[in-house]
C-alpha atoms as a PDB file:
ATOM      1  CA  MET A   1     169.656  25.844  91.901  1.00  0.00           C
ATOM      2  CA  ALA A   2     167.299  22.921  92.276  1.00  0.00           C
ATOM      3  CA  ILE A   3     168.388  20.031  90.103  1.00  0.00           C
ATOM      4  CA  SER A   4     165.292  18.638  88.429  1.00  0.00           C
ATOM      5  CA  GLY A   5     166.653  17.040  85.271  1.00  0.00           C
ATOM      6  CA  LEU A   6     169.719  15.708  83.516  1.00  0.00           C
ATOM      7  CA  ARG A   7     170.510  19.098  81.949  1.00  0.00           C
ATOM      8  CA  ASP A   8     170.507  20.741  85.391  1.00  0.00           C
ATOM      9  CA  LEU A   9     172.736  17.972  86.722  1.00  0.00           C
ATOM     10  CA  TYR A  10     175.046  18.369  83.727  1.00  0.00           C
ATOM     11  CA  ILE A  11     175.393  22.114  84.346  1.00  0.00           C
ATOM     12  CA  ALA A  12     176.018  21.608  88.076  1.00  0.00           C
ATOM     13  CA  GLU A  13     178.714  19.015  87.351  1.00  0.00           C
ATOM     14  CA  LEU A  14     180.251  21.306  84.727  1.00  0.00           C
ATOM     15  CA  GLN A  15     180.367  24.082  87.332  1.00  0.00           C
ATOM     16  CA  GLU A  16     182.121  21.679  89.705  1.00  0.00           C
ATOM     17  CA  ALA A  17     184.656  20.887  86.965  1.00  0.00           C
ATOM     18  CA  ARG A  18     185.312  24.600  86.451  1.00  0.00           C
ATOM     19  CA  SER A  19     185.904  24.919  90.161  1.00  0.00           C
ATOM     20  CA  PHE A  20     188.386  22.071  90.389  1.00  0.00           C
ATOM     21  CA  GLU A  21     190.296  23.173  87.303  1.00  0.00           C
ATOM     22  CA  ALA A  22     190.676  26.612  88.921  1.00  0.00           C
ATOM     23  CA  LEU A  23     191.912  24.976  92.137  1.00  0.00           C
ATOM     24  CA  LEU A  24     194.429  22.922  90.164  1.00  0.00           C
ATOM     25  CA  THR A  25     195.888  26.007  88.486  1.00  0.00           C
ATOM     26  CA  GLU A  26     196.958  27.035  91.986  1.00  0.00           C
ATOM     27  CA  ALA A  27     198.069  23.584  93.181  1.00  0.00           C
ATOM     28  CA  LEU A  28     200.134  22.358  90.226  1.00  0.00           C
ATOM     29  CA  PRO A  29     202.896  24.994  90.529  1.00  0.00           C
ATOM     30  CA  LYS A  30     203.354  23.943  94.171  1.00  0.00           C
ATOM     31  CA  MET A  31     203.551  20.298  93.162  1.00  0.00           C
ATOM     32  CA  ALA A  32     206.103  21.134  90.485  1.00  0.00           C
ATOM     33  CA  LYS A  33     208.203  23.051  92.991  1.00  0.00           C
ATOM     34  CA  ALA A  34     208.125  20.120  95.437  1.00  0.00           C
ATOM     35  CA  ALA A  35     209.271  17.603  92.797  1.00  0.00           C
ATOM     36  CA  SER A  36     212.962  16.741  92.677  1.00  0.00           C
ATOM     37  CA  GLU A  37     212.892  14.585  89.514  1.00  0.00           C
ATOM     38  CA  GLU A  38     213.150  16.906  86.497  1.00  0.00           C
ATOM     39  CA  GLN A  39     210.805  14.832  84.344  1.00  0.00           C
ATOM     40  CA  LEU A  40     208.134  14.927  87.071  1.00  0.00           C
ATOM     41  CA  ARG A  41     208.529  18.672  87.501  1.00  0.00           C
ATOM     42  CA  GLN A  42     208.140  19.124  83.741  1.00  0.00           C
ATOM     43  CA  ALA A  43     205.070  16.866  83.713  1.00  0.00           C
ATOM     44  CA  PHE A  44     203.419  19.030  86.373  1.00  0.00           C
ATOM     45  CA  GLU A  45     204.314  22.215  84.489  1.00  0.00           C
ATOM     46  CA  GLN A  46     202.976  20.830  81.199  1.00  0.00           C
ATOM     47  CA  HIS A  47     199.800  19.681  82.902  1.00  0.00           C
ATOM     48  CA  LEU A  48     199.388  23.172  84.337  1.00  0.00           C
ATOM     49  CA  GLU A  49     199.223  24.542  80.790  1.00  0.00           C
ATOM     50  CA  ALA A  50     196.709  21.843  79.813  1.00  0.00           C
ATOM     51  CA  THR A  51     194.696  22.612  82.961  1.00  0.00           C
ATOM     52  CA  ARG A  52     194.511  26.299  82.068  1.00  0.00           C
ATOM     53  CA  GLU A  53     193.221  25.361  78.605  1.00  0.00           C
ATOM     54  CA  GLN A  54     190.722  22.933  80.114  1.00  0.00           C
ATOM     55  CA  LEU A  55     189.508  25.635  82.487  1.00  0.00           C
ATOM     56  CA  GLY A  56     188.956  27.937  79.524  1.00  0.00           C
ATOM     57  CA  SER A  57     187.075  25.217  77.640  1.00  0.00           C
ATOM     58  CA  VAL A  58     184.801  24.441  80.574  1.00  0.00           C
ATOM     59  CA  GLU A  59     184.124  28.139  81.153  1.00  0.00           C
ATOM     60  CA  ALA A  60     183.251  28.537  77.464  1.00  0.00           C
ATOM     61  CA  LEU A  61     180.773  25.644  77.696  1.00  0.00           C
ATOM     62  CA  LEU A  62     179.186  27.201  80.772  1.00  0.00           C
ATOM     63  CA  ASN A  63     178.994  30.595  79.055  1.00  0.00           C
ATOM     64  CA  GLU A  64     177.335  29.002  76.015  1.00  0.00           C
ATOM     65  CA  ALA A  65     174.786  27.429  78.365  1.00  0.00           C
ATOM     66  CA  GLY A  66     174.174  30.760  80.078  1.00  0.00           C
ATOM     67  CA  ALA A  67     175.204  29.288  83.424  1.00  0.00           C
ATOM     68  CA  ASP A  68     176.830  31.001  86.391  1.00  0.00           C
ATOM     69  CA  LEU A  69     180.508  30.041  86.334  1.00  0.00           C
ATOM     70  CA  LYS A  70     180.925  30.028  90.090  1.00  0.00           C
ATOM     71  CA  ALA A  71     177.634  28.574  91.321  1.00  0.00           C
ATOM     72  CA  HIS A  72     179.356  25.443  92.655  1.00  0.00           C
ATOM     73  CA  GLU A  73     182.628  24.938  94.496  1.00  0.00           C
ATOM     74  CA  ASP A  74     184.162  21.483  94.287  1.00  0.00           C
ATOM     75  CA  GLN A  75     184.867  20.212  97.789  1.00  0.00           C
ATOM     76  CA  SER A  76     186.317  16.859  96.766  1.00  0.00           C
ATOM     77  CA  MET A  77     189.202  18.415  94.850  1.00  0.00           C
ATOM     78  CA  LYS A  78     189.905  20.767  97.736  1.00  0.00           C
ATOM     79  CA  VAL A  79     190.406  17.766  99.998  1.00  0.00           C
ATOM     80  CA  LEU A  80     192.546  15.904  97.440  1.00  0.00           C
ATOM     81  CA  ILE A  81     194.798  18.959  97.077  1.00  0.00           C
ATOM     82  CA  GLU A  82     195.025  19.454 100.852  1.00  0.00           C
ATOM     83  CA  GLN A  83     196.002  15.790 101.304  1.00  0.00           C
ATOM     84  CA  SER A  84     198.587  16.115  98.545  1.00  0.00           C
ATOM     85  CA  GLN A  85     200.191  19.100 100.261  1.00  0.00           C
ATOM     86  CA  LYS A  86     200.079  17.390 103.641  1.00  0.00           C
ATOM     87  CA  MET A  87     201.816  14.313 102.259  1.00  0.00           C
ATOM     88  CA  ALA A  88     204.439  16.358 100.405  1.00  0.00           C
ATOM     89  CA  ASP A  89     205.207  18.188 103.641  1.00  0.00           C
ATOM     90  CA  MET A  90     205.567  14.912 105.579  1.00  0.00           C
ATOM     91  CA  VAL A  91     207.875  13.082 103.164  1.00  0.00           C
ATOM     92  CA  VAL A  92     211.562  13.873 102.881  1.00  0.00           C
ATOM     93  CA  GLU A  93     212.711  15.496  99.660  1.00  0.00           C
ATOM     94  CA  GLY A  94     213.894  13.221  96.877  1.00  0.00           C
ATOM     95  CA  PRO A  95     212.530  10.110  95.173  1.00  0.00           C
ATOM     96  CA  LEU A  96     210.251   9.222  98.073  1.00  0.00           C
ATOM     97  CA  ARG A  97     208.543  12.628  97.989  1.00  0.00           C
ATOM     98  CA  ASP A  98     208.278  12.326  94.216  1.00  0.00           C
ATOM     99  CA  ALA A  99     206.556   8.953  94.672  1.00  0.00           C
ATOM    100  CA  ALA A 100     204.126  10.556  97.137  1.00  0.00           C
ATOM    101  CA  LEU A 101     203.486  13.443  94.722  1.00  0.00           C
ATOM    102  CA  ILE A 102     202.742  10.995  91.919  1.00  0.00           C
ATOM    103  CA  ALA A 103     200.354   9.020  94.134  1.00  0.00           C
ATOM    104  CA  SER A 104     198.522  12.230  95.037  1.00  0.00           C
ATOM    105  CA  ALA A 105     198.495  13.474  91.455  1.00  0.00           C
ATOM    106  CA  GLN A 106     197.073  10.167  90.249  1.00  0.00           C
ATOM    107  CA  ARG A 107     194.258  10.370  92.807  1.00  0.00           C
ATOM    108  CA  ILE A 108     193.497  13.788  91.337  1.00  0.00           C
ATOM    109  CA  GLU A 109     193.716  12.474  87.760  1.00  0.00           C
ATOM    110  CA  HIS A 110     191.407   9.561  88.546  1.00  0.00           C
ATOM    111  CA  TYR A 111     188.870  11.968  90.031  1.00  0.00           C
ATOM    112  CA  GLU A 112     189.079  14.137  86.920  1.00  0.00           C
ATOM    113  CA  ILE A 113     188.732  11.080  84.670  1.00  0.00           C
ATOM    114  CA  ALA A 114     185.562  10.082  86.540  1.00  0.00           C
ATOM    115  CA  VAL A 115     184.077  13.575  86.279  1.00  0.00           C
ATOM    116  CA  TYR A 116     184.912  14.130  82.615  1.00  0.00           C
ATOM    117  CA  GLY A 117     183.725  10.647  81.679  1.00  0.00           C
ATOM    118  CA  THR A 118     180.402  11.406  83.328  1.00  0.00           C
ATOM    119  CA  LEU A 119     180.166  14.854  81.751  1.00  0.00           C
ATOM    120  CA  ALA A 120     180.924  13.508  78.271  1.00  0.00           C
ATOM    121  CA  THR A 121     178.232  10.860  78.716  1.00  0.00           C
ATOM    122  CA  TYR A 122     175.672  13.426  79.883  1.00  0.00           C
ATOM    123  CA  ALA A 123     176.521  15.709  76.951  1.00  0.00           C
ATOM    124  CA  LYS A 124     176.070  12.837  74.512  1.00  0.00           C
ATOM    125  CA  ILE A 125     172.707  11.855  76.007  1.00  0.00           C
ATOM    126  CA  LEU A 126     171.583  15.491  75.913  1.00  0.00           C
ATOM    127  CA  GLY A 127     172.575  15.808  72.252  1.00  0.00           C
ATOM    128  CA  LEU A 128     175.232  18.411  72.992  1.00  0.00           C
ATOM    129  CA  ASP A 129     177.626  17.224  70.313  1.00  0.00           C
ATOM    130  CA  ASN A 130     180.118  20.084  70.643  1.00  0.00           C
ATOM    131  CA  ASP A 131     180.205  19.701  74.420  1.00  0.00           C
ATOM    132  CA  HIS A 132     180.643  15.944  74.052  1.00  0.00           C
ATOM    133  CA  GLN A 133     183.578  16.416  71.699  1.00  0.00           C
ATOM    134  CA  ILE A 134     185.293  18.944  73.978  1.00  0.00           C
ATOM    135  CA  LEU A 135     184.710  16.925  77.138  1.00  0.00           C
ATOM    136  CA  SER A 136     185.864  13.700  75.486  1.00  0.00           C
ATOM    137  CA  GLY A 137     189.036  15.526  74.446  1.00  0.00           C
ATOM    138  CA  ILE A 138     189.649  16.672  78.020  1.00  0.00           C
ATOM    139  CA  LEU A 139     188.981  13.135  79.230  1.00  0.00           C
ATOM    140  CA  GLY A 140     191.675  11.875  76.863  1.00  0.00           C
ATOM    141  CA  GLU A 141     194.129  14.488  78.125  1.00  0.00           C
ATOM    142  CA  GLU A 142     193.499  13.424  81.721  1.00  0.00           C
ATOM    143  CA  LYS A 143     194.054   9.768  80.835  1.00  0.00           C
ATOM    144  CA  ASP A 144     197.289  10.709  79.062  1.00  0.00           C
ATOM    145  CA  ALA A 145     198.452  12.663  82.133  1.00  0.00           C
ATOM    146  CA  ASP A 146     197.717   9.654  84.329  1.00  0.00           C
ATOM    147  CA  ASP A 147     199.659   7.377  81.968  1.00  0.00           C
ATOM    148  CA  LEU A 148     202.634   9.755  82.005  1.00  0.00           C
ATOM    149  CA  LEU A 149     202.656   9.780  85.801  1.00  0.00           C
ATOM    150  CA  THR A 150     202.605   5.980  85.793  1.00  0.00           C
ATOM    151  CA  ASP A 151     205.527   5.892  83.373  1.00  0.00           C
ATOM    152  CA  ILE A 152     207.550   8.307  85.527  1.00  0.00           C
ATOM    153  CA  ALA A 153     206.738   6.319  88.670  1.00  0.00           C
ATOM    154  CA  ILE A 154     207.602   2.925  87.200  1.00  0.00           C
ATOM    155  CA  GLY A 155     210.540   4.091  85.120  1.00  0.00           C
ATOM    156  CA  MET A 156     212.451   6.162  87.624  1.00  0.00           C
ATOM    157  CA  VAL A 157     210.857   7.481  90.797  1.00  0.00           C
ATOM    158  CA  ASN A 158     209.684   4.281  92.486  1.00  0.00           C
ATOM    159  CA  PRO A 159     212.882   2.318  91.703  1.00  0.00           C
ATOM    160  CA  ALA A 160     214.996   5.236  92.958  1.00  0.00           C
ATOM    161  CA  GLY A 161     212.946   5.405  96.152  1.00  0.00           C
ATOM    162  CA  ALA A 162     213.278   1.646  96.668  1.00  0.00           C
ATOM    163  CA  GLU A 163     217.036   1.822  96.010  1.00  0.00           C
ATOM    164  CA  LYS A 164     217.404   4.552  98.599  1.00  0.00           C
ATOM    165  CA  GLU A 165     215.325   2.475 101.049  1.00  0.00           C
ATOM    166  CA  ALA A 166     217.597  -0.526 100.481  1.00  0.00           C
ATOM    167  CA  GLY A 167     220.612   1.641 101.236  1.00  0.00           C
ATOM    168  CA  GLY A 168     221.867   1.758  97.663  1.00  0.00           C
END
């Protein structure tokens, strides 16, 4: 599809979002399994449920627009997920791996925040009020997930990793 206007760009970006949400439904269970801290594992599992709902919402928006759901495959998320798995495989199990998982998950969240912020802005400019509302809601969920990861990192995982490093 040749992109010749903002609506075309919006649809292409929405298709990319559908792609990365689908990729995340496969990656999050692996991240949860690799986590040793119970609260982190639960955060990944809860975000998996949110991701499935977000995928459904994005697919519904694409269906309403009459767009092909699978016209675009998000390459950036593929790389972020591959790097996350590589890092998890390199780091020993325990708080240090959890810290690495959080760092990877936050890279993913920040990417999603950037995409959904852009999509919500495009929808608003295009006068797609329903789309704007849905995408703004997803954006808020991604920001909340990022905040939760920060809280887990600061409150338990990073201090535990540092304590282990110090020999405590």
